């Protein structure tokens, strides 16, 4: 891709390693971000600042913000769909909504999904297409494997590189 077509992006996510083995084969089939280096995750804020505009002060600010949070348990409970994706539902949603609100409060210029979904639903995307048939198929594939128990203990800053791959930049552990 020509450098002129590349868009500098970053995201703050909560990685979900507990789900990786189960969702990776499905994500590899239907979510291009998997091949570009993005792990199974729940988005806290996308898009965030362009990587070249994230300063050391921003990294310290984010570290403090997340350190004020207590680690918590959650579940990936069911398969559901949006018009453009199939995903795993997250319970409790409120804990993830609070994380997003904290970052948006600190950085009000960055809204969830660019403001397209101001009340976004916390979720783990497993496929970026959606149809009733696909949702039914994926519900069948996950039958007997849900819920997946997760533990939220840190947020990650990921950034998109000029080759369109995403790379880990920083981890922000939650306090205890």
N, C-alpha and C. Protein backbone atom coordinates (compact mmCIF):
# COMPACT_ATOMS: atom_id res chain seq x y z
N UNK A 1 0.84 -1.18 0.00
CA UNK A 1 0.00 0.00 0.00
C UNK A 1 0.89 1.24 0.00
N UNK A 2 0.61 2.19 -0.87
CA UNK A 2 1.40 3.42 -0.86
C UNK A 2 1.25 4.14 0.47
N UNK A 3 2.34 4.73 0.92
CA UNK A 3 2.33 5.42 2.21
C UNK A 3 1.24 6.50 2.26
N UNK A 4 0.93 7.13 1.13
CA UNK A 4 -0.09 8.18 1.10
C UNK A 4 -1.47 7.62 1.45
N UNK A 5 -1.72 6.32 1.23
CA UNK A 5 -3.01 5.72 1.52
C UNK A 5 -3.12 5.24 2.97
N UNK A 6 -2.02 5.19 3.66
CA UNK A 6 -1.99 4.68 5.02
C UNK A 6 -2.56 5.70 5.99
N UNK A 7 -3.40 5.24 6.90
CA UNK A 7 -3.97 6.13 7.91
C UNK A 7 -3.44 5.72 9.28
N UNK A 8 -2.78 6.65 9.96
CA UNK A 8 -2.23 6.38 11.28
C UNK A 8 -3.39 6.25 12.26
N UNK A 9 -3.44 5.11 12.96
CA UNK A 9 -4.51 4.85 13.90
C UNK A 9 -3.96 4.19 15.15
N UNK A 10 -4.73 4.31 16.22
CA UNK A 10 -4.43 3.54 17.43
C UNK A 10 -5.75 3.17 18.08
N UNK A 11 -5.66 2.25 19.02
CA UNK A 11 -6.83 1.78 19.74
C UNK A 11 -6.41 1.37 21.14
N UNK A 12 -7.34 1.49 22.07
CA UNK A 12 -7.12 0.98 23.42
C UNK A 12 -8.06 -0.20 23.58
N UNK A 13 -7.47 -1.36 23.87
CA UNK A 13 -8.25 -2.59 23.94
C UNK A 13 -8.00 -3.30 25.27
N UNK A 14 -8.87 -4.24 25.56
CA UNK A 14 -8.65 -5.15 26.67
C UNK A 14 -8.47 -6.53 26.04
N UNK A 15 -7.23 -7.07 26.07
CA UNK A 15 -7.01 -8.39 25.47
C UNK A 15 -7.74 -9.46 26.27
N UNK A 16 -8.20 -10.50 25.56
CA UNK A 16 -8.91 -11.59 26.21
C UNK A 16 -8.22 -12.90 25.85
N UNK A 17 -7.07 -13.18 26.48
CA UNK A 17 -6.33 -14.40 26.15
C UNK A 17 -7.11 -15.67 26.47
N UNK A 18 -8.04 -15.59 27.42
CA UNK A 18 -8.84 -16.76 27.78
C UNK A 18 -9.70 -17.25 26.61
N UNK A 19 -9.99 -16.37 25.67
CA UNK A 19 -10.84 -16.72 24.52
C UNK A 19 -10.05 -17.06 23.27
N UNK A 20 -8.78 -16.74 23.26
CA UNK A 20 -7.98 -16.82 22.03
C UNK A 20 -8.05 -18.18 21.34
N UNK A 21 -7.83 -19.26 22.07
CA UNK A 21 -7.80 -20.59 21.44
C UNK A 21 -9.13 -20.94 20.79
N UNK A 22 -10.21 -20.56 21.42
CA UNK A 22 -11.53 -20.89 20.88
C UNK A 22 -11.92 -19.99 19.71
N UNK A 23 -11.67 -18.70 19.81
CA UNK A 23 -12.15 -17.78 18.77
C UNK A 23 -11.17 -17.59 17.62
N UNK A 24 -9.91 -17.89 17.80
CA UNK A 24 -8.91 -17.61 16.76
C UNK A 24 -9.26 -18.26 15.42
N UNK A 25 -9.63 -19.54 15.35
CA UNK A 25 -9.94 -20.11 14.03
C UNK A 25 -11.11 -19.41 13.34
N UNK A 26 -12.10 -18.99 14.10
CA UNK A 26 -13.26 -18.30 13.52
C UNK A 26 -12.87 -16.89 13.12
N UNK A 27 -12.12 -16.21 13.97
CA UNK A 27 -11.65 -14.86 13.62
C UNK A 27 -10.75 -14.91 12.39
N UNK A 28 -9.92 -15.95 12.27
CA UNK A 28 -9.03 -16.07 11.11
C UNK A 28 -9.84 -16.18 9.82
N UNK A 29 -11.01 -16.81 9.88
CA UNK A 29 -11.89 -16.94 8.72
C UNK A 29 -12.60 -15.63 8.40
N UNK A 30 -12.99 -14.88 9.45
CA UNK A 30 -13.92 -13.80 9.19
C UNK A 30 -13.59 -12.43 9.75
N UNK A 31 -12.41 -12.25 10.32
CA UNK A 31 -12.03 -10.93 10.84
C UNK A 31 -10.60 -10.64 10.40
N UNK A 32 -10.46 -9.79 9.42
CA UNK A 32 -9.15 -9.50 8.84
C UNK A 32 -8.15 -8.97 9.86
N UNK A 33 -8.63 -8.37 10.94
CA UNK A 33 -7.72 -7.84 11.95
C UNK A 33 -6.89 -8.94 12.61
N UNK A 34 -7.40 -10.15 12.61
CA UNK A 34 -6.66 -11.28 13.20
C UNK A 34 -5.32 -11.45 12.50
N UNK A 35 -5.33 -11.47 11.17
CA UNK A 35 -4.10 -11.63 10.40
C UNK A 35 -3.20 -10.40 10.48
N UNK A 36 -3.76 -9.28 10.90
CA UNK A 36 -2.99 -8.03 10.99
C UNK A 36 -2.43 -7.79 12.39
N UNK A 37 -2.54 -8.81 13.27
CA UNK A 37 -1.88 -8.72 14.57
C UNK A 37 -2.75 -8.33 15.74
N UNK A 38 -4.06 -8.22 15.55
CA UNK A 38 -4.93 -7.83 16.66
C UNK A 38 -5.44 -9.09 17.36
N UNK A 39 -5.17 -9.21 18.66
CA UNK A 39 -5.62 -10.40 19.40
C UNK A 39 -7.12 -10.34 19.70
N UNK A 40 -7.66 -11.44 20.20
CA UNK A 40 -9.03 -11.43 20.71
C UNK A 40 -9.10 -10.35 21.78
N UNK A 41 -10.11 -9.49 21.67
CA UNK A 41 -10.15 -8.33 22.56
C UNK A 41 -11.55 -7.75 22.67
N UNK A 42 -11.70 -6.90 23.65
CA UNK A 42 -12.88 -6.04 23.80
C UNK A 42 -12.35 -4.62 23.64
N UNK A 43 -12.93 -3.87 22.73
CA UNK A 43 -12.47 -2.51 22.48
C UNK A 43 -12.89 -1.59 23.61
N UNK A 44 -11.93 -0.84 24.11
CA UNK A 44 -12.23 0.21 25.09
C UNK A 44 -12.45 1.52 24.34
N UNK A 45 -11.52 1.86 23.42
CA UNK A 45 -11.71 3.07 22.62
C UNK A 45 -10.99 2.94 21.28
N UNK A 46 -11.77 3.06 20.22
CA UNK A 46 -11.25 3.11 18.86
C UNK A 46 -12.12 4.11 18.10
N UNK A 47 -11.51 4.98 17.33
CA UNK A 47 -10.07 5.23 17.24
C UNK A 47 -9.59 6.10 18.40
N UNK A 48 -8.31 5.92 18.71
CA UNK A 48 -7.65 6.78 19.67
C UNK A 48 -6.73 7.69 18.86
N UNK A 49 -5.81 8.36 19.47
CA UNK A 49 -4.94 9.34 18.81
C UNK A 49 -4.04 8.69 17.76
N UNK A 50 -3.68 9.43 16.72
CA UNK A 50 -2.67 8.94 15.80
C UNK A 50 -1.39 8.63 16.59
N UNK A 51 -0.73 7.52 16.31
CA UNK A 51 0.43 7.11 17.11
C UNK A 51 1.51 8.18 17.27
N UNK A 52 1.76 8.97 16.24
CA UNK A 52 2.81 9.99 16.34
C UNK A 52 2.41 11.13 17.27
N UNK A 53 1.14 11.22 17.63
CA UNK A 53 0.68 12.28 18.53
C UNK A 53 0.55 11.82 19.98
N UNK A 54 0.86 10.54 20.24
CA UNK A 54 0.78 10.03 21.61
C UNK A 54 2.12 10.25 22.28
N UNK A 55 2.13 11.12 23.27
CA UNK A 55 3.37 11.50 23.94
C UNK A 55 3.63 10.61 25.16
N UNK A 56 4.81 10.78 25.72
CA UNK A 56 5.14 10.08 26.97
C UNK A 56 4.17 10.52 28.07
N UNK A 57 3.79 11.79 28.07
CA UNK A 57 2.81 12.28 29.05
C UNK A 57 1.47 11.55 28.90
N UNK A 58 1.06 11.29 27.65
CA UNK A 58 -0.19 10.54 27.42
C UNK A 58 -0.07 9.13 27.98
N UNK A 59 1.08 8.49 27.76
CA UNK A 59 1.27 7.13 28.27
C UNK A 59 1.20 7.11 29.80
N UNK A 60 1.79 8.10 30.44
CA UNK A 60 1.73 8.20 31.91
C UNK A 60 0.29 8.45 32.35
N UNK A 61 -0.39 9.34 31.66
CA UNK A 61 -1.78 9.66 32.00
C UNK A 61 -2.67 8.41 31.89
N UNK A 62 -2.51 7.65 30.80
CA UNK A 62 -3.29 6.43 30.63
C UNK A 62 -2.93 5.39 31.70
N UNK A 63 -1.65 5.29 32.00
CA UNK A 63 -1.22 4.33 33.03
C UNK A 63 -1.89 4.65 34.37
N UNK A 64 -1.92 5.91 34.72
CA UNK A 64 -2.55 6.32 35.99
C UNK A 64 -4.05 6.06 35.96
N UNK A 65 -4.68 6.39 34.83
CA UNK A 65 -6.12 6.20 34.70
C UNK A 65 -6.50 4.73 34.91
N UNK A 66 -5.78 3.82 34.26
CA UNK A 66 -6.12 2.40 34.39
C UNK A 66 -5.67 1.82 35.73
N UNK A 67 -4.60 2.36 36.31
CA UNK A 67 -4.15 1.85 37.60
C UNK A 67 -5.18 2.13 38.70
N UNK A 68 -6.02 3.13 38.48
CA UNK A 68 -7.08 3.44 39.45
C UNK A 68 -8.24 2.44 39.37
N UNK A 69 -8.24 1.58 38.38
CA UNK A 69 -9.30 0.58 38.23
C UNK A 69 -8.89 -0.72 38.92
N UNK A 70 -9.84 -1.43 39.43
CA UNK A 70 -9.60 -2.72 40.06
C UNK A 70 -9.81 -3.82 39.02
N UNK A 71 -8.93 -4.82 38.96
CA UNK A 71 -9.18 -5.94 38.04
C UNK A 71 -10.55 -6.56 38.35
N UNK A 72 -11.18 -7.13 37.34
CA UNK A 72 -12.51 -7.72 37.54
C UNK A 72 -12.71 -8.91 36.60
N UNK A 73 -13.62 -9.77 37.01
CA UNK A 73 -13.98 -10.93 36.20
C UNK A 73 -15.16 -10.56 35.30
N UNK A 74 -15.23 -11.23 34.16
CA UNK A 74 -16.34 -11.04 33.23
C UNK A 74 -16.57 -12.33 32.47
N UNK A 75 -17.64 -12.38 31.71
CA UNK A 75 -17.95 -13.55 30.89
C UNK A 75 -18.25 -13.12 29.47
N UNK A 76 -17.80 -13.96 28.55
CA UNK A 76 -18.26 -13.89 27.17
C UNK A 76 -19.38 -14.93 27.13
N UNK A 77 -20.63 -14.45 27.06
CA UNK A 77 -21.76 -15.30 27.40
C UNK A 77 -22.52 -15.92 26.23
N UNK A 78 -22.70 -15.17 25.15
CA UNK A 78 -23.55 -15.65 24.05
C UNK A 78 -23.03 -15.15 22.72
N UNK A 79 -23.52 -15.76 21.65
CA UNK A 79 -23.26 -15.28 20.30
C UNK A 79 -24.42 -14.38 19.90
N UNK A 80 -24.11 -13.20 19.38
CA UNK A 80 -25.14 -12.25 18.93
C UNK A 80 -24.62 -11.55 17.68
N UNK A 81 -25.44 -10.69 17.09
CA UNK A 81 -24.99 -10.02 15.87
C UNK A 81 -25.44 -8.57 15.81
N UNK A 82 -24.61 -7.78 15.15
CA UNK A 82 -24.92 -6.43 14.71
C UNK A 82 -25.21 -6.57 13.21
N UNK A 83 -25.65 -5.51 12.55
CA UNK A 83 -25.86 -5.62 11.10
C UNK A 83 -24.59 -5.96 10.32
N UNK A 84 -23.40 -5.64 10.90
CA UNK A 84 -22.16 -5.86 10.15
C UNK A 84 -21.17 -6.78 10.86
N UNK A 85 -21.59 -7.51 11.89
CA UNK A 85 -20.65 -8.36 12.61
C UNK A 85 -21.38 -9.36 13.51
N UNK A 86 -20.69 -10.48 13.76
CA UNK A 86 -21.15 -11.45 14.76
C UNK A 86 -20.15 -11.36 15.90
N UNK A 87 -20.65 -11.42 17.13
CA UNK A 87 -19.79 -11.18 18.27
C UNK A 87 -20.21 -12.02 19.46
N UNK A 88 -19.33 -12.04 20.47
CA UNK A 88 -19.65 -12.63 21.75
C UNK A 88 -20.07 -11.51 22.70
N UNK A 89 -21.18 -11.72 23.39
CA UNK A 89 -21.65 -10.73 24.34
C UNK A 89 -20.77 -10.73 25.58
N UNK A 90 -20.73 -9.59 26.25
CA UNK A 90 -19.90 -9.41 27.44
C UNK A 90 -20.80 -9.09 28.63
N UNK A 91 -20.54 -9.77 29.73
CA UNK A 91 -21.25 -9.50 30.99
C UNK A 91 -20.23 -9.42 32.10
N UNK A 92 -20.23 -8.40 32.93
CA UNK A 92 -21.16 -7.27 32.91
C UNK A 92 -20.69 -6.20 31.93
N UNK A 93 -21.61 -5.65 31.19
CA UNK A 93 -21.28 -4.60 30.22
C UNK A 93 -20.86 -3.31 30.91
N UNK A 94 -21.47 -3.02 32.04
CA UNK A 94 -21.24 -1.74 32.70
C UNK A 94 -19.76 -1.50 33.02
N UNK A 95 -19.05 -2.54 33.41
CA UNK A 95 -17.63 -2.38 33.73
C UNK A 95 -16.84 -1.90 32.52
N UNK A 96 -17.19 -2.39 31.34
CA UNK A 96 -16.49 -1.97 30.12
C UNK A 96 -16.94 -0.58 29.68
N UNK A 97 -18.21 -0.28 29.86
CA UNK A 97 -18.70 1.06 29.54
C UNK A 97 -17.99 2.11 30.42
N UNK A 98 -17.74 1.75 31.68
CA UNK A 98 -17.03 2.66 32.58
C UNK A 98 -15.60 2.89 32.12
N UNK A 99 -14.93 1.85 31.64
CA UNK A 99 -13.56 2.03 31.13
C UNK A 99 -13.56 2.98 29.94
N UNK A 100 -14.50 2.78 29.03
CA UNK A 100 -14.58 3.67 27.87
C UNK A 100 -14.86 5.10 28.32
N UNK A 101 -15.79 5.26 29.25
CA UNK A 101 -16.14 6.61 29.73
C UNK A 101 -14.94 7.30 30.37
N UNK A 102 -14.12 6.55 31.10
CA UNK A 102 -12.93 7.13 31.73
C UNK A 102 -11.97 7.68 30.68
N UNK A 103 -11.73 6.92 29.62
CA UNK A 103 -10.80 7.37 28.59
C UNK A 103 -11.40 8.56 27.83
N UNK A 104 -12.69 8.48 27.52
CA UNK A 104 -13.32 9.59 26.79
C UNK A 104 -13.34 10.85 27.66
N UNK A 105 -13.52 10.70 28.95
CA UNK A 105 -13.48 11.87 29.84
C UNK A 105 -12.10 12.52 29.81
N UNK A 106 -11.05 11.70 29.76
CA UNK A 106 -9.68 12.23 29.72
C UNK A 106 -9.33 12.75 28.33
N UNK A 107 -9.93 12.18 27.29
CA UNK A 107 -9.63 12.54 25.90
C UNK A 107 -10.94 12.72 25.14
N UNK A 108 -11.69 13.80 25.42
CA UNK A 108 -13.02 13.97 24.81
C UNK A 108 -13.00 14.14 23.29
N UNK A 109 -11.85 14.41 22.73
CA UNK A 109 -11.77 14.54 21.28
C UNK A 109 -11.83 13.19 20.56
N UNK A 110 -11.73 12.09 21.31
CA UNK A 110 -11.80 10.74 20.72
C UNK A 110 -13.03 10.03 21.25
N UNK A 111 -14.00 9.87 20.38
CA UNK A 111 -15.26 9.23 20.75
C UNK A 111 -15.29 7.79 20.24
N UNK A 112 -16.02 6.92 20.92
CA UNK A 112 -16.10 5.52 20.46
C UNK A 112 -16.55 5.46 19.00
N UNK A 113 -15.76 4.75 18.21
CA UNK A 113 -16.06 4.55 16.79
C UNK A 113 -16.30 5.88 16.08
N UNK A 114 -15.53 6.89 16.47
CA UNK A 114 -15.61 8.20 15.84
C UNK A 114 -16.94 8.89 16.04
N UNK A 115 -17.70 8.48 17.07
CA UNK A 115 -19.00 9.07 17.34
C UNK A 115 -20.15 8.38 16.62
N UNK A 116 -19.84 7.39 15.76
CA UNK A 116 -20.89 6.67 15.04
C UNK A 116 -21.75 5.81 15.97
N UNK A 117 -21.15 5.34 17.06
CA UNK A 117 -21.87 4.51 18.02
C UNK A 117 -21.60 5.07 19.43
N UNK A 118 -22.23 6.17 19.79
CA UNK A 118 -21.92 6.81 21.07
C UNK A 118 -22.23 5.93 22.28
N UNK A 119 -23.19 5.04 22.16
CA UNK A 119 -23.52 4.12 23.25
C UNK A 119 -23.16 2.71 22.79
N UNK A 120 -21.89 2.52 22.46
CA UNK A 120 -21.47 1.25 21.88
C UNK A 120 -21.62 0.10 22.87
N UNK A 121 -21.89 -1.07 22.33
CA UNK A 121 -22.08 -2.29 23.11
C UNK A 121 -20.74 -2.99 23.28
N UNK A 122 -20.27 -3.20 24.50
CA UNK A 122 -19.03 -3.96 24.68
C UNK A 122 -19.21 -5.37 24.10
N UNK A 123 -18.20 -5.83 23.36
CA UNK A 123 -18.31 -7.12 22.69
C UNK A 123 -16.94 -7.60 22.23
N UNK A 124 -16.87 -8.87 21.85
CA UNK A 124 -15.67 -9.44 21.23
C UNK A 124 -16.08 -9.91 19.84
N UNK A 125 -15.63 -9.20 18.81
CA UNK A 125 -15.98 -9.54 17.44
C UNK A 125 -15.36 -10.87 17.04
N UNK A 126 -16.18 -11.74 16.43
CA UNK A 126 -15.65 -13.01 15.92
C UNK A 126 -15.76 -13.11 14.41
N UNK A 127 -16.59 -12.28 13.78
CA UNK A 127 -16.73 -12.30 12.32
C UNK A 127 -17.24 -10.94 11.88
N UNK A 128 -16.68 -10.40 10.80
CA UNK A 128 -17.08 -9.06 10.36
C UNK A 128 -18.08 -9.10 9.21
N UNK A 129 -18.82 -10.15 9.10
CA UNK A 129 -19.98 -10.22 8.23
C UNK A 129 -21.13 -10.63 9.14
N UNK A 130 -22.34 -10.47 8.65
CA UNK A 130 -23.47 -10.84 9.49
C UNK A 130 -24.64 -11.26 8.63
N UNK A 131 -25.23 -12.36 9.01
CA UNK A 131 -26.48 -12.83 8.42
C UNK A 131 -27.10 -13.76 9.44
N UNK A 132 -28.36 -14.02 9.27
CA UNK A 132 -29.03 -14.94 10.19
C UNK A 132 -28.39 -16.32 10.11
N UNK A 133 -28.06 -16.75 8.89
CA UNK A 133 -27.44 -18.07 8.71
C UNK A 133 -26.07 -18.15 9.38
N UNK A 134 -25.25 -17.12 9.22
CA UNK A 134 -23.92 -17.11 9.83
C UNK A 134 -24.04 -17.09 11.35
N UNK A 135 -24.93 -16.27 11.88
CA UNK A 135 -25.11 -16.21 13.33
C UNK A 135 -25.55 -17.56 13.86
N UNK A 136 -26.47 -18.23 13.18
CA UNK A 136 -26.93 -19.56 13.59
C UNK A 136 -25.79 -20.56 13.55
N UNK A 137 -24.98 -20.51 12.49
CA UNK A 137 -23.83 -21.42 12.37
C UNK A 137 -22.85 -21.21 13.52
N UNK A 138 -22.54 -19.95 13.82
CA UNK A 138 -21.57 -19.67 14.88
C UNK A 138 -22.14 -20.01 16.26
N UNK A 139 -23.43 -19.82 16.46
CA UNK A 139 -24.04 -20.25 17.72
C UNK A 139 -23.84 -21.75 17.89
N UNK A 140 -24.01 -22.50 16.81
CA UNK A 140 -23.83 -23.95 16.85
C UNK A 140 -22.38 -24.31 17.16
N UNK A 141 -21.44 -23.60 16.54
CA UNK A 141 -20.01 -23.89 16.77
C UNK A 141 -19.59 -23.59 18.21
N UNK A 142 -20.24 -22.61 18.84
CA UNK A 142 -19.89 -22.25 20.21
C UNK A 142 -20.69 -23.01 21.27
N UNK A 143 -21.69 -23.77 20.82
CA UNK A 143 -22.53 -24.50 21.77
C UNK A 143 -21.67 -25.39 22.67
N UNK A 144 -21.90 -25.28 23.96
CA UNK A 144 -21.14 -26.06 24.93
C UNK A 144 -19.81 -25.44 25.33
N UNK A 145 -19.42 -24.33 24.67
CA UNK A 145 -18.14 -23.68 24.98
C UNK A 145 -18.30 -22.35 25.71
N UNK A 146 -19.55 -21.91 25.84
CA UNK A 146 -19.81 -20.64 26.51
C UNK A 146 -20.51 -20.89 27.84
N UNK A 147 -20.31 -20.08 28.84
CA UNK A 147 -19.55 -18.84 28.79
C UNK A 147 -18.05 -19.09 28.92
N UNK A 148 -17.30 -18.12 28.42
CA UNK A 148 -15.85 -18.08 28.61
C UNK A 148 -15.60 -17.10 29.76
N UNK A 149 -14.89 -17.55 30.75
CA UNK A 149 -14.58 -16.70 31.91
C UNK A 149 -13.33 -15.88 31.59
N UNK A 150 -13.43 -14.58 31.76
CA UNK A 150 -12.30 -13.69 31.51
C UNK A 150 -11.93 -12.91 32.76
N UNK A 151 -10.72 -12.36 32.72
CA UNK A 151 -10.24 -11.56 33.84
C UNK A 151 -9.61 -10.29 33.27
N UNK A 152 -10.24 -9.16 33.54
CA UNK A 152 -9.75 -7.87 33.06
C UNK A 152 -8.71 -7.37 34.03
N UNK A 153 -7.45 -7.32 33.58
CA UNK A 153 -6.38 -6.89 34.48
C UNK A 153 -5.49 -5.82 33.87
N UNK A 154 -5.64 -5.56 32.55
CA UNK A 154 -4.84 -4.51 31.92
C UNK A 154 -5.45 -4.13 30.59
N UNK A 155 -5.18 -2.90 30.19
CA UNK A 155 -5.55 -2.40 28.88
C UNK A 155 -4.29 -2.30 28.04
N UNK A 156 -4.45 -2.42 26.74
CA UNK A 156 -3.32 -2.29 25.81
C UNK A 156 -3.56 -1.14 24.85
N UNK A 157 -2.49 -0.45 24.53
CA UNK A 157 -2.50 0.52 23.44
C UNK A 157 -1.92 -0.20 22.23
N UNK A 158 -2.71 -0.26 21.17
CA UNK A 158 -2.27 -0.87 19.91
C UNK A 158 -2.19 0.24 18.86
N UNK A 159 -1.24 0.09 17.92
CA UNK A 159 -1.14 1.10 16.87
C UNK A 159 -0.95 0.44 15.52
N UNK A 160 -1.53 1.10 14.53
CA UNK A 160 -1.46 0.61 13.15
C UNK A 160 -0.18 1.15 12.51
N UNK A 161 0.53 0.26 11.83
CA UNK A 161 1.79 0.62 11.18
C UNK A 161 1.56 0.88 9.69
N UNK A 162 2.55 1.44 9.02
CA UNK A 162 2.38 1.72 7.59
C UNK A 162 2.09 0.48 6.72
N UNK A 163 2.46 -0.72 7.19
CA UNK A 163 2.15 -1.93 6.42
C UNK A 163 0.75 -2.46 6.75
N UNK A 164 -0.05 -1.67 7.47
CA UNK A 164 -1.41 -1.98 7.91
C UNK A 164 -1.50 -3.00 9.04
N UNK A 165 -0.36 -3.54 9.48
CA UNK A 165 -0.39 -4.44 10.63
C UNK A 165 -0.53 -3.61 11.89
N UNK A 166 -1.11 -4.24 12.91
CA UNK A 166 -1.26 -3.59 14.21
C UNK A 166 -0.21 -4.13 15.15
N UNK A 167 0.33 -3.27 16.00
CA UNK A 167 1.38 -3.67 16.93
C UNK A 167 1.06 -3.17 18.33
N UNK A 168 1.47 -3.94 19.30
CA UNK A 168 1.35 -3.58 20.71
C UNK A 168 2.31 -2.43 20.97
N UNK A 169 1.84 -1.41 21.69
CA UNK A 169 2.72 -0.30 22.07
C UNK A 169 2.94 -0.23 23.57
N UNK A 170 1.87 -0.42 24.37
CA UNK A 170 2.02 -0.29 25.83
C UNK A 170 0.90 -1.05 26.52
N UNK A 171 1.23 -1.52 27.74
CA UNK A 171 0.23 -2.13 28.61
C UNK A 171 0.01 -1.22 29.79
N UNK A 172 -1.23 -1.17 30.24
CA UNK A 172 -1.62 -0.35 31.39
C UNK A 172 -2.29 -1.25 32.42
N UNK A 173 -1.53 -1.79 33.37
CA UNK A 173 -2.13 -2.68 34.38
C UNK A 173 -3.12 -1.96 35.27
N UNK A 174 -4.16 -2.69 35.64
CA UNK A 174 -5.12 -2.19 36.62
C UNK A 174 -4.49 -2.33 37.99
N UNK A 175 -4.90 -1.47 38.93
CA UNK A 175 -4.41 -1.57 40.29
C UNK A 175 -5.03 -2.75 41.01
N UNK A 176 -4.72 -2.92 42.28
CA UNK A 176 -5.28 -4.07 43.00
C UNK A 176 -6.14 -3.61 44.16
